[in-house]
Amino acid sequence: YPTGLFFFLAAGANIAVLFGFGVMERKETLFQQKEAKHAAALS
C-alpha cells in the first residue's frame, strides 16, 4: 500500500497506545496484588 501512509501511521499509533495500556494495567494489577499481600501479612 504505497499510498496508504495515513492508515499505517494510525495503525502504528494504535499499537503503541494499546501496548501502553496493557503495560499500565499489568503494573496496576501487580501493585494491587502486592498491597493485598501486605494487608494479609499485617492481618
All heavy atoms as atom14 arrays in JSON, in Angstrom:
{
  "sequence": "YPTGLFFFLAAGANIAVLFGFGVMERKETLFQQKEAKHAAALS",
  "atom14_mask": [
    [1, 1, 1, 1, 1, 1, 1, 1, 1, 1, 1, 1, 0, 0],
    [1, 1, 1, 1, 1, 1, 1, 0, 0, 0, 0, 0, 0, 0],
    [1, 1, 1, 1, 1, 1, 1, 0, 0, 0, 0, 0, 0, 0],
    [1, 1, 1, 1, 0, 0, 0, 0, 0, 0, 0, 0, 0, 0],
    [1, 1, 1, 1, 1, 1, 1, 1, 0, 0, 0, 0, 0, 0],
    [1, 1, 1, 1, 1, 1, 1, 1, 1, 1, 1, 0, 0, 0],
    [1, 1, 1, 1, 1, 1, 1, 1, 1, 1, 1, 0, 0, 0],
    [1, 1, 1, 1, 1, 1, 1, 1, 1, 1, 1, 0, 0, 0],
    [1, 1, 1, 1, 1, 1, 1, 1, 0, 0, 0, 0, 0, 0],
    [1, 1, 1, 1, 1, 0, 0, 0, 0, 0, 0, 0, 0, 0],
    [1, 1, 1, 1, 1, 0, 0, 0, 0, 0, 0, 0, 0, 0],
    [1, 1, 1, 1, 0, 0, 0, 0, 0, 0, 0, 0, 0, 0],
    [1, 1, 1, 1, 1, 0, 0, 0, 0, 0, 0, 0, 0, 0],
    [1, 1, 1, 1, 1, 1, 1, 1, 0, 0, 0, 0, 0, 0],
    [1, 1, 1, 1, 1, 1, 1, 1, 0, 0, 0, 0, 0, 0],
    [1, 1, 1, 1, 1, 0, 0, 0, 0, 0, 0, 0, 0, 0],
    [1, 1, 1, 1, 1, 1, 1, 0, 0, 0, 0, 0, 0, 0],
    [1, 1, 1, 1, 1, 1, 1, 1, 0, 0, 0, 0, 0, 0],
    [1, 1, 1, 1, 1, 1, 1, 1, 1, 1, 1, 0, 0, 0],
    [1, 1, 1, 1, 0, 0, 0, 0, 0, 0, 0, 0, 0, 0],
    [1, 1, 1, 1, 1, 1, 1, 1, 1, 1, 1, 0, 0, 0],
    [1, 1, 1, 1, 0, 0, 0, 0, 0, 0, 0, 0, 0, 0],
    [1, 1, 1, 1, 1, 1, 1, 0, 0, 0, 0, 0, 0, 0],
    [1, 1, 1, 1, 1, 1, 1, 1, 0, 0, 0, 0, 0, 0],
    [1, 1, 1, 1, 1, 1, 1, 1, 1, 0, 0, 0, 0, 0],
    [1, 1, 1, 1, 1, 1, 1, 1, 1, 1, 1, 0, 0, 0],
    [1, 1, 1, 1, 1, 1, 1, 1, 1, 0, 0, 0, 0, 0],
    [1, 1, 1, 1, 1, 1, 1, 1, 1, 0, 0, 0, 0, 0],
    [1, 1, 1, 1, 1, 1, 1, 0, 0, 0, 0, 0, 0, 0],
    [1, 1, 1, 1, 1, 1, 1, 1, 0, 0, 0, 0, 0, 0],
    [1, 1, 1, 1, 1, 1, 1, 1, 1, 1, 1, 0, 0, 0],
    [1, 1, 1, 1, 1, 1, 1, 1, 1, 0, 0, 0, 0, 0],
    [1, 1, 1, 1, 1, 1, 1, 1, 1, 0, 0, 0, 0, 0],
    [1, 1, 1, 1, 1, 1, 1, 1, 1, 0, 0, 0, 0, 0],
    [1, 1, 1, 1, 1, 1, 1, 1, 1, 0, 0, 0, 0, 0],
    [1, 1, 1, 1, 1, 0, 0, 0, 0, 0, 0, 0, 0, 0],
    [1, 1, 1, 1, 1, 1, 1, 1, 1, 0, 0, 0, 0, 0],
    [1, 1, 1, 1, 1, 1, 1, 1, 1, 1, 0, 0, 0, 0],
    [1, 1, 1, 1, 1, 0, 0, 0, 0, 0, 0, 0, 0, 0],
    [1, 1, 1, 1, 1, 0, 0, 0, 0, 0, 0, 0, 0, 0],
    [1, 1, 1, 1, 1, 0, 0, 0, 0, 0, 0, 0, 0, 0],
    [1, 1, 1, 1, 1, 1, 1, 1, 0, 0, 0, 0, 0, 0],
    [1, 1, 1, 1, 1, 1, 0, 0, 0, 0, 0, 0, 0, 0]
  ],
  "atom14_positions": [
    [[0.85, -1.2, 0.0], [0.0, 0.0, 0.0], [0.88, 1.25, 0.0], [0.99, 1.96, 1.0], [-0.91, 0.01, 1.23], [-1.81, -1.21, 1.33], [-1.5, -2.24, 2.21], [-2.94, -1.32, 0.55], [-2.31, -3.37, 2.3], [-3.76, -2.43, 0.62], [-3.44, -3.46, 1.5], [-4.25, -4.57, 1.59], [0.0, 0.0, 0.0], [0.0, 0.0, 0.0]],
    [[1.54, 1.54, -1.1], [2.46, 2.7, -1.13], [1.75, 4.03, -0.91], [2.38, 5.01, -0.52], [3.08, 2.62, -2.53], [2.12, 1.8, -3.33], [1.49, 0.83, -2.38], [0.0, 0.0, 0.0], [0.0, 0.0, 0.0], [0.0, 0.0, 0.0], [0.0, 0.0, 0.0], [0.0, 0.0, 0.0], [0.0, 0.0, 0.0], [0.0, 0.0, 0.0]],
    [[0.43, 4.11, -1.12], [-0.29, 5.38, -0.95], [-1.09, 5.41, 0.36], [-1.82, 6.38, 0.59], [-1.25, 5.61, -2.12], [-2.22, 4.53, -2.17], [-0.51, 5.67, -3.43], [0.0, 0.0, 0.0], [0.0, 0.0, 0.0], [0.0, 0.0, 0.0], [0.0, 0.0, 0.0], [0.0, 0.0, 0.0], [0.0, 0.0, 0.0], [0.0, 0.0, 0.0]],
    [[-0.98, 4.39, 1.18], [-1.8, 4.32, 2.41], [-1.05, 4.75, 3.65], [-1.13, 4.08, 4.69], [0.0, 0.0, 0.0], [0.0, 0.0, 0.0], [0.0, 0.0, 0.0], [0.0, 0.0, 0.0], [0.0, 0.0, 0.0], [0.0, 0.0, 0.0], [0.0, 0.0, 0.0], [0.0, 0.0, 0.0], [0.0, 0.0, 0.0], [0.0, 0.0, 0.0]],
    [[-0.29, 5.85, 3.56], [0.54, 6.27, 4.69], [-0.3, 6.57, 5.93], [0.06, 6.18, 7.06], [1.36, 7.5, 4.29], [2.24, 8.09, 5.4], [3.28, 7.06, 5.84], [2.91, 9.37, 4.91], [0.0, 0.0, 0.0], [0.0, 0.0, 0.0], [0.0, 0.0, 0.0], [0.0, 0.0, 0.0], [0.0, 0.0, 0.0], [0.0, 0.0, 0.0]],
    [[-1.43, 7.25, 5.75], [-2.24, 7.65, 6.9], [-2.7, 6.44, 7.7], [-2.64, 6.43, 8.92], [-3.45, 8.46, 6.42], [-4.47, 8.69, 7.5], [-4.26, 9.64, 8.5], [-5.64, 7.93, 7.54], [-5.2, 9.83, 9.5], [-6.58, 8.13, 8.54], [-6.37, 9.08, 9.52], [0.0, 0.0, 0.0], [0.0, 0.0, 0.0], [0.0, 0.0, 0.0]],
    [[-3.17, 5.41, 7.01], [-3.69, 4.23, 7.7], [-2.6, 3.53, 8.5], [-2.83, 3.05, 9.61], [-4.33, 3.27, 6.69], [-5.48, 3.87, 5.94], [-5.44, 4.02, 4.56], [-6.62, 4.29, 6.62], [-6.5, 4.58, 3.88], [-7.69, 4.85, 5.94], [-7.62, 5.0, 4.56], [0.0, 0.0, 0.0], [0.0, 0.0, 0.0], [0.0, 0.0, 0.0]],
    [[-1.4, 3.49, 7.95], [-0.33, 2.79, 8.66], [0.21, 3.61, 9.82], [0.63, 3.06, 10.84], [0.78, 2.42, 7.67], [0.41, 1.25, 6.82], [-0.17, 1.43, 5.59], [0.63, -0.05, 7.27], [-0.54, 0.36, 4.81], [0.27, -1.14, 6.49], [-0.31, -0.95, 5.25], [0.0, 0.0, 0.0], [0.0, 0.0, 0.0], [0.0, 0.0, 0.0]],
    [[0.19, 4.93, 9.68], [0.56, 5.76, 10.83], [-0.46, 5.6, 11.95], [-0.1, 5.5, 13.14], [0.66, 7.23, 10.4], [1.84, 7.59, 9.51], [1.77, 9.07, 9.11], [3.17, 7.3, 10.21], [0.0, 0.0, 0.0], [0.0, 0.0, 0.0], [0.0, 0.0, 0.0], [0.0, 0.0, 0.0], [0.0, 0.0, 0.0], [0.0, 0.0, 0.0]],
    [[-1.75, 5.56, 11.59], [-2.79, 5.35, 12.59], [-2.66, 3.98, 13.24], [-2.83, 3.82, 14.45], [-4.17, 5.51, 11.95], [0.0, 0.0, 0.0], [0.0, 0.0, 0.0], [0.0, 0.0, 0.0], [0.0, 0.0, 0.0], [0.0, 0.0, 0.0], [0.0, 0.0, 0.0], [0.0, 0.0, 0.0], [0.0, 0.0, 0.0], [0.0, 0.0, 0.0]],
    [[-2.33, 2.97, 12.43], [-2.16, 1.62, 12.97], [-0.97, 1.57, 13.93], [-1.03, 0.95, 15.0], [-1.95, 0.62, 11.84], [0.0, 0.0, 0.0], [0.0, 0.0, 0.0], [0.0, 0.0, 0.0], [0.0, 0.0, 0.0], [0.0, 0.0, 0.0], [0.0, 0.0, 0.0], [0.0, 0.0, 0.0], [0.0, 0.0, 0.0], [0.0, 0.0, 0.0]],
    [[0.12, 2.25, 13.58], [1.29, 2.28, 14.47], [0.97, 2.96, 15.79], [1.38, 2.48, 16.86], [0.0, 0.0, 0.0], [0.0, 0.0, 0.0], [0.0, 0.0, 0.0], [0.0, 0.0, 0.0], [0.0, 0.0, 0.0], [0.0, 0.0, 0.0], [0.0, 0.0, 0.0], [0.0, 0.0, 0.0], [0.0, 0.0, 0.0], [0.0, 0.0, 0.0]],
    [[0.23, 4.08, 15.73], [-0.16, 4.76, 16.96], [-1.08, 3.89, 17.8], [-0.95, 3.82, 19.04], [-0.84, 6.09, 16.62], [0.0, 0.0, 0.0], [0.0, 0.0, 0.0], [0.0, 0.0, 0.0], [0.0, 0.0, 0.0], [0.0, 0.0, 0.0], [0.0, 0.0, 0.0], [0.0, 0.0, 0.0], [0.0, 0.0, 0.0], [0.0, 0.0, 0.0]],
    [[-2.0, 3.2, 17.14], [-2.92, 2.32, 17.85], [-2.17, 1.2, 18.58], [-2.46, 0.88, 19.73], [-3.91, 1.72, 16.84], [-4.82, 0.69, 17.46], [-5.61, 0.98, 18.34], [-4.69, -0.56, 17.0], [0.0, 0.0, 0.0], [0.0, 0.0, 0.0], [0.0, 0.0, 0.0], [0.0, 0.0, 0.0], [0.0, 0.0, 0.0], [0.0, 0.0, 0.0]],
    [[-1.18, 0.62, 17.91], [-0.39, -0.47, 18.52], [0.36, 0.04, 19.74], [0.38, -0.59, 20.8], [0.57, -1.06, 17.47], [-0.23, -1.79, 16.39], [1.56, -2.0, 18.13], [0.61, -2.19, 15.18], [0.0, 0.0, 0.0], [0.0, 0.0, 0.0], [0.0, 0.0, 0.0], [0.0, 0.0, 0.0], [0.0, 0.0, 0.0], [0.0, 0.0, 0.0]],
    [[1.02, 1.2, 19.6], [1.8, 1.74, 20.71], [0.91, 2.1, 21.9], [1.25, 1.8, 23.06], [2.58, 2.97, 20.24], [0.0, 0.0, 0.0], [0.0, 0.0, 0.0], [0.0, 0.0, 0.0], [0.0, 0.0, 0.0], [0.0, 0.0, 0.0], [0.0, 0.0, 0.0], [0.0, 0.0, 0.0], [0.0, 0.0, 0.0], [0.0, 0.0, 0.0]],
    [[-0.24, 2.72, 21.64], [-1.13, 3.13, 22.73], [-1.71, 1.92, 23.45], [-1.71, 1.86, 24.69], [-2.27, 4.02, 22.18], [-3.34, 4.24, 23.24], [-1.71, 5.36, 21.72], [0.0, 0.0, 0.0], [0.0, 0.0, 0.0], [0.0, 0.0, 0.0], [0.0, 0.0, 0.0], [0.0, 0.0, 0.0], [0.0, 0.0, 0.0], [0.0, 0.0, 0.0]],
    [[-2.19, 0.93, 22.7], [-2.77, -0.25, 23.34], [-1.72, -1.06, 24.1], [-2.0, -1.62, 25.17], [-3.45, -1.13, 22.3], [-4.77, -0.58, 21.74], [-5.35, -1.52, 20.69], [-5.79, -0.36, 22.85], [0.0, 0.0, 0.0], [0.0, 0.0, 0.0], [0.0, 0.0, 0.0], [0.0, 0.0, 0.0], [0.0, 0.0, 0.0], [0.0, 0.0, 0.0]],
    [[-0.52, -1.11, 23.58], [0.55, -1.77, 24.33], [0.82, -1.03, 25.64], [1.01, -1.65, 26.7], [1.82, -1.82, 23.49], [3.02, -2.37, 24.23], [3.09, -3.72, 24.53], [4.05, -1.54, 24.64], [4.17, -4.24, 25.23], [5.15, -2.05, 25.32], [5.21, -3.4, 25.62], [0.0, 0.0, 0.0], [0.0, 0.0, 0.0], [0.0, 0.0, 0.0]],
    [[0.81, 0.31, 25.58], [0.99, 1.09, 26.81], [-0.12, 0.84, 27.82], [0.14, 0.71, 29.03], [0.0, 0.0, 0.0], [0.0, 0.0, 0.0], [0.0, 0.0, 0.0], [0.0, 0.0, 0.0], [0.0, 0.0, 0.0], [0.0, 0.0, 0.0], [0.0, 0.0, 0.0], [0.0, 0.0, 0.0], [0.0, 0.0, 0.0], [0.0, 0.0, 0.0]],
    [[-1.37, 0.73, 27.33], [-2.48, 0.41, 28.22], [-2.28, -0.95, 28.89], [-2.54, -1.12, 30.08], [-3.8, 0.41, 27.45], [-4.34, 1.78, 27.19], [-5.13, 2.03, 26.07], [-4.08, 2.83, 28.05], [-5.62, 3.3, 25.82], [-4.58, 4.1, 27.82], [-5.34, 4.34, 26.69], [0.0, 0.0, 0.0], [0.0, 0.0, 0.0], [0.0, 0.0, 0.0]],
    [[-1.82, -1.92, 28.12], [-1.58, -3.25, 28.68], [-0.5, -3.24, 29.75], [-0.65, -3.87, 30.8], [0.0, 0.0, 0.0], [0.0, 0.0, 0.0], [0.0, 0.0, 0.0], [0.0, 0.0, 0.0], [0.0, 0.0, 0.0], [0.0, 0.0, 0.0], [0.0, 0.0, 0.0], [0.0, 0.0, 0.0], [0.0, 0.0, 0.0], [0.0, 0.0, 0.0]],
    [[0.58, -2.49, 29.49], [1.66, -2.39, 30.47], [1.18, -1.71, 31.75], [1.49, -2.16, 32.87], [2.86, -1.63, 29.87], [3.91, -1.34, 30.93], [3.48, -2.44, 28.73], [0.0, 0.0, 0.0], [0.0, 0.0, 0.0], [0.0, 0.0, 0.0], [0.0, 0.0, 0.0], [0.0, 0.0, 0.0], [0.0, 0.0, 0.0], [0.0, 0.0, 0.0]],
    [[0.42, -0.62, 31.61], [-0.09, 0.08, 32.81], [-1.06, -0.79, 33.6], [-1.05, -0.79, 34.84], [-0.75, 1.39, 32.38], [0.22, 2.44, 31.9], [-0.55, 4.06, 31.63], [-1.63, 3.68, 30.22], [0.0, 0.0, 0.0], [0.0, 0.0, 0.0], [0.0, 0.0, 0.0], [0.0, 0.0, 0.0], [0.0, 0.0, 0.0], [0.0, 0.0, 0.0]],
    [[-1.9, -1.54, 32.88], [-2.84, -2.44, 33.57], [-2.09, -3.52, 34.32], [-2.47, -3.91, 35.44], [-3.8, -3.06, 32.55], [-4.93, -3.86, 33.17], [-5.9, -2.98, 33.94], [-6.04, -1.8, 33.6], [-6.52, -3.49, 34.9], [0.0, 0.0, 0.0], [0.0, 0.0, 0.0], [0.0, 0.0, 0.0], [0.0, 0.0, 0.0], [0.0, 0.0, 0.0]],
    [[-1.01, -4.0, 33.74], [-0.19, -5.02, 34.41], [0.43, -4.45, 35.68], [0.39, -5.08, 36.75], [0.91, -5.5, 33.46], [1.92, -6.47, 34.1], [3.05, -6.76, 33.1], [4.07, -7.59, 33.72], [4.05, -8.93, 33.73], [3.05, -9.57, 33.16], [5.03, -9.6, 34.3], [0.0, 0.0, 0.0], [0.0, 0.0, 0.0], [0.0, 0.0, 0.0]],
    [[1.01, -3.24, 35.58], [1.63, -2.62, 36.75], [0.62, -2.36, 37.86], [0.89, -2.6, 39.04], [2.32, -1.32, 36.34], [3.57, -1.52, 35.5], [4.25, -0.19, 35.19], [5.55, -0.4, 34.42], [6.24, 0.89, 34.11], [0.0, 0.0, 0.0], [0.0, 0.0, 0.0], [0.0, 0.0, 0.0], [0.0, 0.0, 0.0], [0.0, 0.0, 0.0]],
    [[-0.57, -1.88, 37.48], [-1.6, -1.62, 38.48], [-2.05, -2.9, 39.17], [-2.23, -2.94, 40.39], [-2.8, -0.93, 37.82], [-3.91, -0.59, 38.82], [-5.1, 0.07, 38.14], [-5.01, 0.38, 36.94], [-6.12, 0.27, 38.82], [0.0, 0.0, 0.0], [0.0, 0.0, 0.0], [0.0, 0.0, 0.0], [0.0, 0.0, 0.0], [0.0, 0.0, 0.0]],
    [[-2.2, -3.97, 38.38], [-2.63, -5.24, 38.95], [-1.57, -5.8, 39.9], [-1.89, -6.29, 40.99], [-2.91, -6.26, 37.83], [-3.92, -5.73, 36.96], [-3.39, -7.58, 38.4], [0.0, 0.0, 0.0], [0.0, 0.0, 0.0], [0.0, 0.0, 0.0], [0.0, 0.0, 0.0], [0.0, 0.0, 0.0], [0.0, 0.0, 0.0], [0.0, 0.0, 0.0]],
    [[-0.31, -5.73, 39.5], [0.77, -6.21, 40.36], [0.84, -5.4, 41.65], [1.1, -5.95, 42.73], [2.11, -6.15, 39.61], [2.27, -7.13, 38.44], [3.61, -6.89, 37.74], [2.18, -8.56, 38.94], [0.0, 0.0, 0.0], [0.0, 0.0, 0.0], [0.0, 0.0, 0.0], [0.0, 0.0, 0.0], [0.0, 0.0, 0.0], [0.0, 0.0, 0.0]],
    [[0.62, -4.09, 41.53], [0.62, -3.25, 42.73], [-0.51, -3.63, 43.67], [-0.32, -3.72, 44.89], [0.5, -1.78, 42.32], [0.39, -0.83, 43.49], [1.52, -0.48, 44.22], [-0.84, -0.3, 43.86], [1.42, 0.38, 45.3], [-0.94, 0.56, 44.93], [0.19, 0.9, 45.65], [0.0, 0.0, 0.0], [0.0, 0.0, 0.0], [0.0, 0.0, 0.0]],
    [[-1.71, -3.88, 43.12], [-2.84, -4.28, 43.94], [-2.58, -5.62, 44.61], [-2.92, -5.81, 45.79], [-4.11, -4.35, 43.09], [-4.6, -3.0, 42.62], [-5.79, -3.11, 41.69], [-6.13, -4.2, 41.22], [-6.44, -1.99, 41.39], [0.0, 0.0, 0.0], [0.0, 0.0, 0.0], [0.0, 0.0, 0.0], [0.0, 0.0, 0.0], [0.0, 0.0, 0.0]],
    [[-1.96, -6.55, 43.9], [-1.64, -7.85, 44.48], [-0.62, -7.69, 45.61], [-0.72, -8.35, 46.65], [-1.1, -8.79, 43.41], [-2.14, -9.25, 42.41], [-1.57, -10.19, 41.37], [-0.37, -10.17, 41.08], [-2.42, -11.02, 40.79], [0.0, 0.0, 0.0], [0.0, 0.0, 0.0], [0.0, 0.0, 0.0], [0.0, 0.0, 0.0], [0.0, 0.0, 0.0]],
    [[0.34, -6.81, 45.41], [1.34, -6.56, 46.44], [0.71, -5.95, 47.68], [1.02, -6.34, 48.82], [2.43, -5.63, 45.89], [3.59, -5.39, 46.85], [4.65, -4.51, 46.19], [5.81, -4.26, 47.15], [6.84, -3.38, 46.53], [0.0, 0.0, 0.0], [0.0, 0.0, 0.0], [0.0, 0.0, 0.0], [0.0, 0.0, 0.0], [0.0, 0.0, 0.0]],
    [[-0.2, -4.98, 47.47], [-0.88, -4.37, 48.6], [-1.75, -5.39, 49.34], [-1.79, -5.39, 50.58], [-1.76, -3.21, 48.11], [-0.99, -1.99, 47.64], [-0.24, -1.32, 48.78], [-0.88, -0.96, 49.77], [0.99, -1.2, 48.68], [0.0, 0.0, 0.0], [0.0, 0.0, 0.0], [0.0, 0.0, 0.0], [0.0, 0.0, 0.0], [0.0, 0.0, 0.0]],
    [[-2.43, -6.25, 48.59], [-3.26, -7.27, 49.23], [-2.41, -8.24, 50.04], [-2.8, -8.67, 51.13], [-4.06, -8.03, 48.17], [0.0, 0.0, 0.0], [0.0, 0.0, 0.0], [0.0, 0.0, 0.0], [0.0, 0.0, 0.0], [0.0, 0.0, 0.0], [0.0, 0.0, 0.0], [0.0, 0.0, 0.0], [0.0, 0.0, 0.0], [0.0, 0.0, 0.0]],
    [[-1.23, -8.59, 49.5], [-0.34, -9.49, 50.23], [0.17, -8.84, 51.51], [0.25, -9.47, 52.57], [0.84, -9.87, 49.32], [1.77, -10.92, 49.92], [2.91, -11.25, 48.97], [2.39, -11.91, 47.72], [3.5, -12.36, 46.84], [0.0, 0.0, 0.0], [0.0, 0.0, 0.0], [0.0, 0.0, 0.0], [0.0, 0.0, 0.0], [0.0, 0.0, 0.0]],
    [[0.5, -7.54, 51.43], [0.95, -6.83, 52.63], [-0.18, -6.76, 53.67], [0.07, -6.93, 54.87], [1.4, -5.42, 52.25], [2.73, -5.4, 51.55], [3.25, -4.27, 50.98], [3.63, -6.38, 51.32], [4.42, -4.54, 50.43], [4.67, -5.81, 50.62], [0.0, 0.0, 0.0], [0.0, 0.0, 0.0], [0.0, 0.0, 0.0], [0.0, 0.0, 0.0]],
    [[-1.4, -6.49, 53.18], [-2.53, -6.42, 54.11], [-2.77, -7.76, 54.79], [-3.06, -7.83, 55.99], [-3.79, -5.97, 53.36], [0.0, 0.0, 0.0], [0.0, 0.0, 0.0], [0.0, 0.0, 0.0], [0.0, 0.0, 0.0], [0.0, 0.0, 0.0], [0.0, 0.0, 0.0], [0.0, 0.0, 0.0], [0.0, 0.0, 0.0], [0.0, 0.0, 0.0]],
    [[-2.65, -8.85, 54.01], [-2.83, -10.18, 54.6], [-1.73, -10.46, 55.63], [-1.99, -11.06, 56.69], [-2.81, -11.24, 53.51], [0.0, 0.0, 0.0], [0.0, 0.0, 0.0], [0.0, 0.0, 0.0], [0.0, 0.0, 0.0], [0.0, 0.0, 0.0], [0.0, 0.0, 0.0], [0.0, 0.0, 0.0], [0.0, 0.0, 0.0], [0.0, 0.0, 0.0]],
    [[-0.49, -10.04, 55.32], [0.61, -10.25, 56.26], [0.39, -9.47, 57.55], [0.62, -9.97, 58.66], [1.93, -9.85, 55.62], [0.0, 0.0, 0.0], [0.0, 0.0, 0.0], [0.0, 0.0, 0.0], [0.0, 0.0, 0.0], [0.0, 0.0, 0.0], [0.0, 0.0, 0.0], [0.0, 0.0, 0.0], [0.0, 0.0, 0.0], [0.0, 0.0, 0.0]],
    [[-0.08, -8.21, 57.4], [-0.36, -7.41, 58.59], [-1.49, -8.01, 59.41], [-1.45, -8.01, 60.65], [-0.71, -5.98, 58.17], [0.43, -5.13, 57.64], [-0.08, -3.77, 57.14], [1.49, -4.91, 58.71], [0.0, 0.0, 0.0], [0.0, 0.0, 0.0], [0.0, 0.0, 0.0], [0.0, 0.0, 0.0], [0.0, 0.0, 0.0], [0.0, 0.0, 0.0]],
    [[-2.51, -8.54, 58.71], [-3.61, -9.17, 59.43], [-3.13, -10.39, 60.2], [-3.54, -10.62, 61.34], [-4.7, -9.57, 58.43], [-5.77, -10.22, 59.09], [0.0, 0.0, 0.0], [0.0, 0.0, 0.0], [0.0, 0.0, 0.0], [0.0, 0.0, 0.0], [0.0, 0.0, 0.0], [0.0, 0.0, 0.0], [0.0, 0.0, 0.0], [0.0, 0.0, 0.0]]
  ]
}
